[in-house]
Structure formats: structure tokens, C-alpha cells
């Protein structure tokens, strides 16, 4: 497939690293596997540095992992637009850049990369154009998704092979690399990545009173404060271990983006949030609990239910009920949500069925197609008819 030569990706960091996480992963995919020339425009390079330590936040322009990374600021400097401009998650494009897009011959192809959703209307709207109200340009809306007819989700070509080869030796290497010994044999190992409004205290209390040892890996970030508060600790750096009852908490360093997969593979169950970590947990093929990004007027609840409807297909009744109950409790869904501790016990009791579903779901997701490849093909098809 002939791949367009040049791409500009624009990203505003709104909150919680979600937008930049997906944008950086997409840039790496396009540059590394689609062999495209990629410029990534970001308004907050410090946030990107969390995901890629090689980023220098003070630099206006730098080259990292085959990507030209530029600080997005106003007034926007005059540049020749790329063949394709990606507007990540409705962030808008600079007015000066849009004007240059219009003057470019052929005009730049404008793609709005939307948020990931399992809602049924996504397939109907995926790939549709919308004329801009002020500029003689059309924007094409590209919707990531979990099923055929959508844009799919991001996946490196070697990801599943690396996952399957990870094994016990990989787990030992991972724990050593973040400053810990491997968890005790027979322990339930969980990664906990969540927004700071998650009902963390109730979940930790359930693990503390549990019959088996639960080892919880908590990446550095906002959620650490809530975890330490439950333990009666005011502050702790990465590398610390805290024990209470049947609970062992490990504060792990916030690893660079490619290594987050190793954390997921090293655990038996993964609590994830937003979009990027949510997708990576699906590729990990382990039982997971998703905290969806909260929206005003509970607009996120139907989106959570739409994914649950997909994911629970084929699950035995008790396992599906336990999964729904845990996810709803974790997201405080309903007028009187089930207590998180009670929901966890029901969820944990269905581990065998949930492990099987996680493995099968990863295969289903693979069949839906890979986002960067589908995006490159979509743009190539559109560029054939540019004038």
C-alpha cells in the first residue's frame, strides 16, 4: 500500500494524559510501521514527557522515535501543512494552519480522530465528511471502535507475540526493573490505575479483609494519595511497600508508555481508566475493570453499558452479572450501586470464566482491524481524489 508521505497530528492535553497518550501512540505507529513522516504538535510537552522520558519539555522542536515533536502555541508559526492533518479529539486546528491548508495544492486532508466508543451509532458515522462552516474544507470523522465497520484500535505488529512470550521470566524481569521482588506464590496480583474519584478506599478495605494475599501495583500519580490515605500514610515515593491484613500495596514508578504493557502482563487483573490503558488491558487478555472518563449529566453511563453489552456476549449468566456488577460499582452507576467490596468478591469468584472471555475478546478485537493501518488506508483512498 502506498502510504501518504506526511502527517500533522495536533493534540491539546486536556486532562489525565488520555488525549496525549493516544496521540503519541498513533504518531509512533504511523512513523514506525506506516513509514510516514509525522509531526506531532502538542501544547503541553511536560505531560508527554511522562509517557516518553526522552522528551525535553523546554524545546520548541525535537526529533524523538522518528517523530518531529513541536510545541503548539499561539501565535502559530507559518508552516507548510502536511498532506494529512489529524485533529485529535476535537481539539481544533490553528486558524493560520487552516488557512494554509486551503492554499495548499492539493489541499490537506482533514481528519478528526474521535473518542473510542462501543455505541451502535459509531459504525453509521465512521468516515463521514462534514463541511466546515467557514472554510472551503471538509472534515472526515474517524471513529475508533471494537467491531468491523469502525476504525479499530491501536496495536503494534509485534504486540501479541511479545505478550505471549512474556511468561514467568518476563514477570520476574519486570518486577526487578521497578525495584521489587516477584509477588509471593499464590497471591492475587492487581494493577490499579484510576481517576482520583474512584471508590478506592472501599476496594482496598475488601482486599485487606480478604482470605488470600492481594498484591496491588499502584503507578505514581493522583490515585496514590487516595491509596496512602486509606493506609494512614501521607506520602511515599516509588519503591515502597505497605502491608495491612491481606493487602500488600506497591508504589511503582510511572513507566514509559511501551513498558506499561509489561505491568499489565505481570498482573492477574488490571484496573484501568479512560481510553489508552483501557485498550492496552484488552490486548493483555486478562480480566479487567474499567473506569470510564466521567462526564456531566452521567453521559458516560450509556457508553459504559454499550461496551458491557459487547464484552458480555457469550459469557455465562453468573459471570456476566458479576462483571457488570463490578464495573457499575467501580463507576458508581445507578441510584444505589452495589458496594465495591461485595462486587469484587462476586467478580473474583468468576475468575476462570473471565479469563477465558478476556482471551477470546482479544481475538475478537484483532479481527476488527488495527487503527493506524485502517487510518492510513482511509486517507490513501481519499487522497486519490484530491484536487
Protein backbone atom coordinates (compact mmCIF):
# COMPACT_ATOMS: atom_id res chain seq x y z
CA UNK A 1 0.00 0.00 0.00
CA UNK A 2 1.31 3.44 -0.92
CA UNK A 3 1.38 5.49 2.28
CA UNK A 4 0.95 9.29 2.26
CA UNK A 5 4.26 10.99 2.85
CA UNK A 6 3.42 13.49 5.57
CA UNK A 7 1.10 13.78 8.57
CA UNK A 8 0.49 16.51 11.15
CA UNK A 9 -1.14 15.41 14.42
CA UNK A 10 -2.49 18.12 16.71
CA UNK A 11 -3.19 17.40 20.37
CA UNK A 12 -4.24 19.53 23.33
CA UNK A 13 -3.61 17.94 26.72
CA UNK A 14 -6.95 18.35 28.46
CA UNK A 15 -6.69 16.06 31.46
CA UNK A 16 -5.22 12.83 32.80
CA UNK A 17 -2.84 12.11 29.88
CA UNK A 18 -5.59 10.41 27.86
CA UNK A 19 -5.51 12.58 24.75
CA UNK A 20 -1.74 12.73 24.55
CA UNK A 21 -1.45 9.02 25.31
CA UNK A 22 -3.45 8.06 22.24
CA UNK A 23 -1.89 10.78 20.07
CA UNK A 24 1.65 9.71 20.95
CA UNK A 25 0.87 6.06 20.34
CA UNK A 26 -0.70 6.92 16.97
CA UNK A 27 2.32 9.02 15.99
CA UNK A 28 4.65 6.14 16.86
CA UNK A 29 2.54 3.71 14.85
CA UNK A 30 2.40 5.93 11.76
CA UNK A 31 6.11 6.71 11.85
CA UNK A 32 7.32 3.25 12.81
CA UNK A 33 5.01 0.88 10.95
CA UNK A 34 3.40 3.00 8.24
CA UNK A 35 6.77 4.65 7.42
CA UNK A 36 5.20 8.11 7.32
CA UNK A 37 6.76 11.49 8.05
CA UNK A 38 4.99 12.62 11.22
CA UNK A 39 4.90 15.93 13.05
CA UNK A 40 3.21 15.95 16.44
CA UNK A 41 2.03 19.35 17.71
CA UNK A 42 1.43 19.36 21.50
CA UNK A 43 0.54 22.23 23.81
CA UNK A 44 1.93 20.52 26.93
CA UNK A 45 5.24 18.74 26.41
CA UNK A 46 5.69 18.11 30.13
CA UNK A 47 2.74 15.71 30.03
CA UNK A 48 4.20 13.94 27.02
CA UNK A 49 7.48 13.52 28.90
CA UNK A 50 5.66 11.35 31.45
CA UNK A 51 4.96 8.87 28.66
CA UNK A 52 8.28 9.33 26.87
CA UNK A 53 11.18 10.37 29.12
CA UNK A 54 13.27 11.35 26.09
CA UNK A 55 11.07 14.42 25.53
CA UNK A 56 12.64 17.74 26.53
CA UNK A 57 9.71 19.90 27.72
CA UNK A 58 11.52 23.21 27.11
CA UNK A 59 12.40 22.50 23.48
CA UNK A 60 10.26 24.01 20.74
CA UNK A 61 11.26 21.35 18.22
CA UNK A 62 12.84 17.93 18.68
CA UNK A 63 13.06 14.54 16.97
CA UNK A 64 12.13 11.51 19.08
CA UNK A 65 11.42 7.98 17.82
CA UNK A 66 11.28 9.08 14.16
CA UNK A 67 8.71 11.77 15.08
CA UNK A 68 9.18 15.53 14.88
CA UNK A 69 7.67 16.88 18.09
CA UNK A 70 6.77 20.58 18.20
CA UNK A 71 5.31 22.84 20.85
CA UNK A 72 1.86 24.06 19.81
CA UNK A 73 1.47 27.67 20.84
CA UNK A 74 -0.13 30.86 19.60
CA UNK A 75 0.58 32.77 17.51
CA UNK A 76 1.11 29.72 15.35
CA UNK A 77 4.23 29.83 13.21
CA UNK A 78 3.83 29.66 9.45
CA UNK A 79 4.45 26.13 8.16
CA UNK A 80 3.67 24.16 5.03
CA UNK A 81 0.84 21.82 6.04
CA UNK A 82 1.24 18.08 5.70
CA UNK A 83 -0.82 16.02 3.27
CA UNK A 84 -2.96 14.88 6.20
CA UNK A 85 -3.88 16.79 9.35
CA UNK A 86 -5.19 14.85 12.35
CA UNK A 87 -7.29 16.83 14.81
CA UNK A 88 -7.22 14.65 17.91
CA UNK A 89 -10.46 14.52 19.86
CA UNK A 90 -11.97 17.80 18.70
CA UNK A 91 -9.01 19.92 19.77
CA UNK A 92 -9.40 22.22 16.73
CA UNK A 93 -6.64 23.37 14.40
CA UNK A 94 -4.82 26.72 14.43
CA UNK A 95 -6.50 29.30 12.19
CA UNK A 96 -3.23 30.07 10.43
CA UNK A 97 -2.71 26.40 9.72
CA UNK A 98 -6.24 26.00 8.31
CA UNK A 99 -5.68 28.96 6.00
CA UNK A 100 -2.50 27.32 4.75
CA UNK A 101 -4.39 24.05 4.23
CA UNK A 102 -6.78 25.85 1.90
CA UNK A 103 -3.89 27.31 -0.10
CA UNK A 104 -2.06 24.03 -0.38
CA UNK A 105 -2.30 22.24 -3.73
CA UNK A 106 -3.67 19.67 -3.33
CA UNK A 107 -5.46 20.72 -0.17
CA UNK A 108 -4.66 18.98 3.07
CA UNK A 109 -6.94 16.13 4.07
CA UNK A 110 -8.51 16.96 7.44
CA UNK A 111 -9.27 14.05 9.78
CA UNK A 112 -10.99 14.42 13.14
CA UNK A 113 -9.98 11.46 15.30
CA UNK A 114 -12.87 10.84 17.66
CA UNK A 115 -13.04 9.17 21.05
CA UNK A 116 -13.38 5.41 21.30
CA UNK A 117 -16.92 4.15 21.78
CA UNK A 118 -18.89 0.90 21.55
CA UNK A 119 -22.18 2.68 20.87
CA UNK A 120 -24.09 1.33 17.88
CA UNK A 121 -24.22 4.65 16.02
CA UNK A 122 -20.43 4.70 15.62
CA UNK A 123 -20.47 2.44 12.55
CA UNK A 124 -23.02 4.68 10.86
CA UNK A 125 -20.94 7.83 11.33
CA UNK A 126 -17.45 6.43 10.85
CA UNK A 127 -15.66 8.01 7.90
CA UNK A 128 -18.35 10.55 7.06
CA UNK A 129 -17.39 14.08 5.91
CA UNK A 130 -18.71 17.33 7.33
CA UNK A 131 -18.21 20.67 5.50
CA UNK A 132 -16.53 23.30 7.63
CA UNK A 133 -18.90 26.24 8.31
CA UNK A 134 -16.26 28.90 7.46
CA UNK A 135 -13.54 27.27 5.37
CA UNK A 136 -13.84 25.51 1.98
CA UNK A 137 -12.75 22.22 3.53
CA UNK A 138 -14.43 19.03 4.68
CA UNK A 139 -13.50 17.20 7.86
CA UNK A 140 -13.70 13.42 7.88
CA UNK A 141 -14.68 11.83 11.18
CA UNK A 142 -12.69 8.74 12.04
CA UNK A 143 -14.16 6.67 14.87
CA UNK A 144 -12.09 4.05 16.69
CA UNK A 145 -14.17 1.02 17.60
CA UNK A 146 -14.34 -2.61 18.61
CA UNK A 147 -16.17 -4.10 15.64
CA UNK A 148 -15.95 -4.27 11.87
CA UNK A 149 -17.03 -1.06 10.15
CA UNK A 150 -15.21 1.18 12.65
CA UNK A 151 -11.63 2.41 12.81
CA UNK A 152 -10.44 -0.35 15.15
CA UNK A 153 -7.91 0.29 17.92
CA UNK A 154 -4.15 0.73 18.02
CA UNK A 155 -1.93 -2.36 18.16
CA UNK A 156 1.75 -2.73 17.32
CA UNK A 157 2.51 -5.51 14.86
CA UNK A 158 4.59 -7.46 17.39
CA UNK A 159 2.46 -6.78 20.48
CA UNK A 160 0.71 -10.13 20.79
CA UNK A 161 3.90 -12.08 20.11
CA UNK A 162 5.68 -10.12 22.85
CA UNK A 163 2.77 -10.69 25.21
CA UNK A 164 2.70 -14.43 24.59
CA UNK A 165 6.47 -14.71 25.08
CA UNK A 166 6.47 -12.72 28.35
CA UNK A 167 5.94 -15.66 30.70
CA UNK A 168 7.35 -16.16 34.19
CA UNK A 169 10.79 -14.92 33.20
CA UNK A 170 9.29 -11.69 31.86
CA UNK A 171 7.38 -11.15 35.07
CA UNK A 172 10.50 -11.60 37.17
CA UNK A 173 12.42 -9.15 34.99
CA UNK A 174 9.62 -6.62 35.16
CA UNK A 175 9.34 -6.63 38.95
CA UNK A 176 13.11 -6.36 39.29
CA UNK A 177 13.17 -3.43 36.86
CA UNK A 178 10.74 -1.43 39.02
CA UNK A 179 12.52 -2.25 42.27
CA UNK A 180 10.60 -5.23 43.69
CA UNK A 181 10.82 -8.95 44.15
CA UNK A 182 8.15 -11.01 42.38
CA UNK A 183 4.93 -11.30 44.42
CA UNK A 184 4.57 -14.33 46.68
CA UNK A 185 3.35 -17.51 45.05
CA UNK A 186 -0.44 -17.78 45.12
CA UNK A 187 -1.03 -14.05 45.58
CA UNK A 188 -3.66 -12.23 43.52
CA UNK A 189 -1.69 -9.54 41.66
CA UNK A 190 -3.60 -6.44 40.57
CA UNK A 191 -2.62 -3.19 38.86
CA UNK A 192 -4.62 -0.14 39.96
CA UNK A 193 -4.80 2.82 37.58
CA UNK A 194 -7.83 5.03 38.17
CA UNK A 195 -9.11 8.58 38.41
CA UNK A 196 -8.99 10.19 41.82
CA UNK A 197 -12.77 9.93 42.26
CA UNK A 198 -12.75 6.12 42.20
CA UNK A 199 -14.03 4.36 45.37
CA UNK A 200 -10.51 3.20 46.17
CA UNK A 201 -10.93 3.04 49.95
CA UNK A 202 -13.76 0.52 49.79
CA UNK A 203 -11.84 -1.70 47.39
CA UNK A 204 -8.67 -1.65 49.49
CA UNK A 205 -10.72 -2.49 52.57
CA UNK A 206 -12.15 -5.54 50.81
CA UNK A 207 -8.69 -6.72 49.83
CA UNK A 208 -7.39 -6.07 53.34
CA UNK A 209 -10.08 -8.35 54.80
CA UNK A 210 -9.73 -10.98 52.08
CA UNK A 211 -8.76 -14.61 52.66
CA UNK A 212 -5.86 -14.51 50.19
CA UNK A 213 -2.97 -12.12 49.74
CA UNK A 214 -3.68 -9.35 47.20
CA UNK A 215 -0.65 -7.52 45.84
CA UNK A 216 -1.64 -4.17 44.34
CA UNK A 217 0.70 -2.29 41.99
CA UNK A 218 -0.16 1.43 42.03
CA UNK A 219 1.64 3.60 39.44
CA UNK A 220 2.76 7.00 40.65
CA UNK A 221 0.06 9.60 40.05
CA UNK A 222 -3.02 11.18 41.55
CA UNK A 223 -4.52 7.92 42.76
CA UNK A 224 -1.56 7.30 45.07
CA UNK A 225 -2.86 9.91 47.51
CA UNK A 226 -6.18 8.11 47.94
CA UNK A 227 -4.40 4.78 48.40
CA UNK A 228 -2.00 6.14 51.00
CA UNK A 229 -4.84 7.90 52.78
CA UNK A 230 -6.53 4.54 53.32
CA UNK A 231 -3.26 3.22 54.75
CA UNK A 232 -2.77 6.23 57.01
CA UNK A 233 0.34 7.39 55.16
CA UNK A 234 0.81 10.98 53.98
CA UNK A 235 3.46 10.47 51.28
CA UNK A 236 5.60 7.76 49.72
CA UNK A 237 7.95 7.50 46.79
CA UNK A 238 8.10 4.71 44.22
CA UNK A 239 9.65 1.52 45.55
CA UNK A 240 7.78 1.46 48.88
CA UNK A 241 5.70 -1.49 50.07
CA UNK A 242 2.85 -1.21 52.59
CA UNK A 243 1.08 -4.16 54.20
CA UNK A 244 -2.16 -4.33 56.10
CA UNK A 245 -4.07 -7.57 56.66
CA UNK A 246 -4.22 -9.49 53.38
CA UNK A 247 -3.28 -6.39 51.39
CA UNK A 248 0.15 -5.51 50.04
CA UNK A 249 0.47 -2.19 48.20
CA UNK A 250 3.45 -1.50 45.94
CA UNK A 251 4.05 2.04 44.68
CA UNK A 252 5.60 1.54 41.25
CA UNK A 253 7.22 4.22 39.08
CA UNK A 254 5.17 5.59 36.20
CA UNK A 255 6.85 3.69 33.38
CA UNK A 256 7.27 4.87 29.80
CA UNK A 257 4.38 4.02 27.51
CA UNK A 258 5.84 0.88 25.86
CA UNK A 259 6.54 -0.69 29.27
CA UNK A 260 3.03 -0.24 30.63
CA UNK A 261 2.05 -3.39 28.75
CA UNK A 262 4.58 -5.33 30.86
CA UNK A 263 2.86 -4.18 34.04
CA UNK A 264 -0.46 -5.43 32.69
CA UNK A 265 1.05 -8.77 31.66
CA UNK A 266 2.65 -9.17 35.09
CA UNK A 267 -0.75 -8.95 36.85
CA UNK A 268 -3.76 -11.25 37.18
CA UNK A 269 -6.31 -8.42 36.92
CA UNK A 270 -5.99 -4.83 35.75
CA UNK A 271 -7.94 -1.75 36.81
CA UNK A 272 -7.67 0.79 34.00
CA UNK A 273 -9.18 4.11 33.06
CA UNK A 274 -10.01 6.35 30.10
CA UNK A 275 -9.03 5.10 26.66
CA UNK A 276 -5.38 4.21 26.16
CA UNK A 277 -4.88 2.00 29.23
CA UNK A 278 -8.33 0.50 28.60
CA UNK A 279 -7.29 -0.68 25.14
CA UNK A 280 -3.95 -1.99 26.39
CA UNK A 281 -5.72 -4.02 29.08
CA UNK A 282 -7.85 -5.63 26.39
CA UNK A 283 -4.73 -6.66 24.46
CA UNK A 284 -3.26 -8.03 27.72
CA UNK A 285 -6.06 -10.64 27.67
CA UNK A 286 -6.51 -10.56 31.45
CA UNK A 287 -9.65 -9.84 33.49
CA UNK A 288 -10.04 -6.08 33.80
CA UNK A 289 -12.14 -3.38 35.44
CA UNK A 290 -12.62 -0.14 33.51
CA UNK A 291 -13.27 3.29 34.96
CA UNK A 292 -14.72 5.33 32.12
CA UNK A 293 -13.94 9.05 31.97
CA UNK A 294 -16.78 10.76 33.91
CA UNK A 295 -18.91 13.27 32.01
CA UNK A 296 -21.53 15.78 33.05
CA UNK A 297 -25.12 14.59 33.47
CA UNK A 298 -23.84 10.99 33.55
CA UNK A 299 -23.39 10.92 29.80
CA UNK A 300 -20.70 8.27 30.26
CA UNK A 301 -23.06 5.67 31.70
CA UNK A 302 -24.63 4.64 28.35
CA UNK A 303 -21.13 4.36 26.86
CA UNK A 304 -20.10 2.03 29.66
CA UNK A 305 -23.21 -0.10 29.12
CA UNK A 306 -22.62 -0.24 25.36
CA UNK A 307 -19.21 -1.79 25.87
CA UNK A 308 -20.52 -4.16 28.54
CA UNK A 309 -23.14 -5.39 26.08
CA UNK A 310 -20.40 -6.25 23.60
CA UNK A 311 -17.95 -7.71 26.07
CA UNK A 312 -20.52 -9.86 27.90
CA UNK A 313 -21.68 -11.64 24.73
CA UNK A 314 -21.11 -15.34 25.25
CA UNK A 315 -20.30 -15.05 28.95
CA UNK A 316 -22.23 -17.40 31.27
CA UNK A 317 -25.01 -15.62 33.14
CA UNK A 318 -23.32 -15.50 36.55
CA UNK A 319 -20.03 -14.30 35.10
CA UNK A 320 -21.74 -11.59 33.04
CA UNK A 321 -23.70 -10.42 36.09
CA UNK A 322 -20.54 -10.31 38.19
CA UNK A 323 -18.67 -8.35 35.53
CA UNK A 324 -21.47 -5.84 35.12
CA UNK A 325 -21.84 -5.50 38.86
CA UNK A 326 -18.14 -4.81 39.41
CA UNK A 327 -17.84 -2.27 36.60
CA UNK A 328 -21.03 -0.47 37.66
CA UNK A 329 -19.92 -0.35 41.30
CA UNK A 330 -16.47 0.96 40.33
CA UNK A 331 -18.10 3.67 38.20
CA UNK A 332 -20.84 4.44 40.78
CA UNK A 333 -23.55 3.62 38.26
CA UNK A 334 -27.14 3.58 39.46
CA UNK A 335 -29.11 5.28 42.20
CA UNK A 336 -27.86 2.71 44.75
CA UNK A 337 -24.79 0.98 43.31
CA UNK A 338 -23.59 -2.30 44.78
CA UNK A 339 -20.83 -1.94 47.36
CA UNK A 340 -17.42 -2.30 45.72
CA UNK A 341 -16.22 -4.96 48.16
CA UNK A 342 -19.26 -7.14 47.56
CA UNK A 343 -18.95 -6.63 43.80
CA UNK A 344 -15.27 -7.62 43.89
CA UNK A 345 -15.98 -10.89 45.70
CA UNK A 346 -18.56 -11.84 43.07
CA UNK A 347 -16.19 -10.78 40.29
CA UNK A 348 -13.27 -12.72 41.75
CA UNK A 349 -15.40 -15.87 42.08
CA UNK A 350 -15.85 -15.88 38.28
CA UNK A 351 -12.13 -15.70 37.53
CA UNK A 352 -11.99 -18.78 35.28
CA UNK A 353 -14.84 -17.59 33.04
CA UNK A 354 -13.50 -14.04 32.97
CA UNK A 355 -10.02 -15.21 31.99
CA UNK A 356 -11.48 -17.20 29.11
CA UNK A 357 -13.53 -14.21 27.96
CA UNK A 358 -10.52 -11.88 28.15
CA UNK A 359 -8.56 -14.20 25.88
CA UNK A 360 -11.43 -14.59 23.42
CA UNK A 361 -12.13 -10.86 23.38
CA UNK A 362 -8.54 -10.07 22.36
CA UNK A 363 -9.08 -12.31 19.31
CA UNK A 364 -12.35 -10.50 18.51
CA UNK A 365 -10.59 -7.16 18.79
CA UNK A 366 -7.84 -8.35 16.45
CA UNK A 367 -10.45 -9.21 13.83
CA UNK A 368 -11.83 -5.64 13.92
CA UNK A 369 -8.58 -4.29 12.46
CA UNK A 370 -5.73 -2.05 13.57
CA UNK A 371 -6.36 1.69 13.73
CA UNK A 372 -3.19 3.16 12.22
CA UNK A 373 -3.34 0.74 9.30
CA UNK A 374 -7.02 1.45 8.66
CA UNK A 375 -6.46 5.19 9.02
CA UNK A 376 -3.57 5.12 6.54
CA UNK A 377 -5.69 3.19 4.04
CA UNK A 378 -8.67 5.50 4.55
CA UNK A 379 -6.51 8.56 3.88
CA UNK A 380 -4.82 6.98 0.90
CA UNK A 381 -8.21 6.28 -0.67
CA UNK A 382 -9.34 9.86 -0.10
CA UNK A 383 -6.12 11.36 -1.42
CA UNK A 384 -6.60 9.60 -4.77
CA UNK A 385 -9.42 12.03 -5.48
CA UNK A 386 -7.87 15.24 -4.15
CA UNK A 387 -7.64 18.20 -6.49
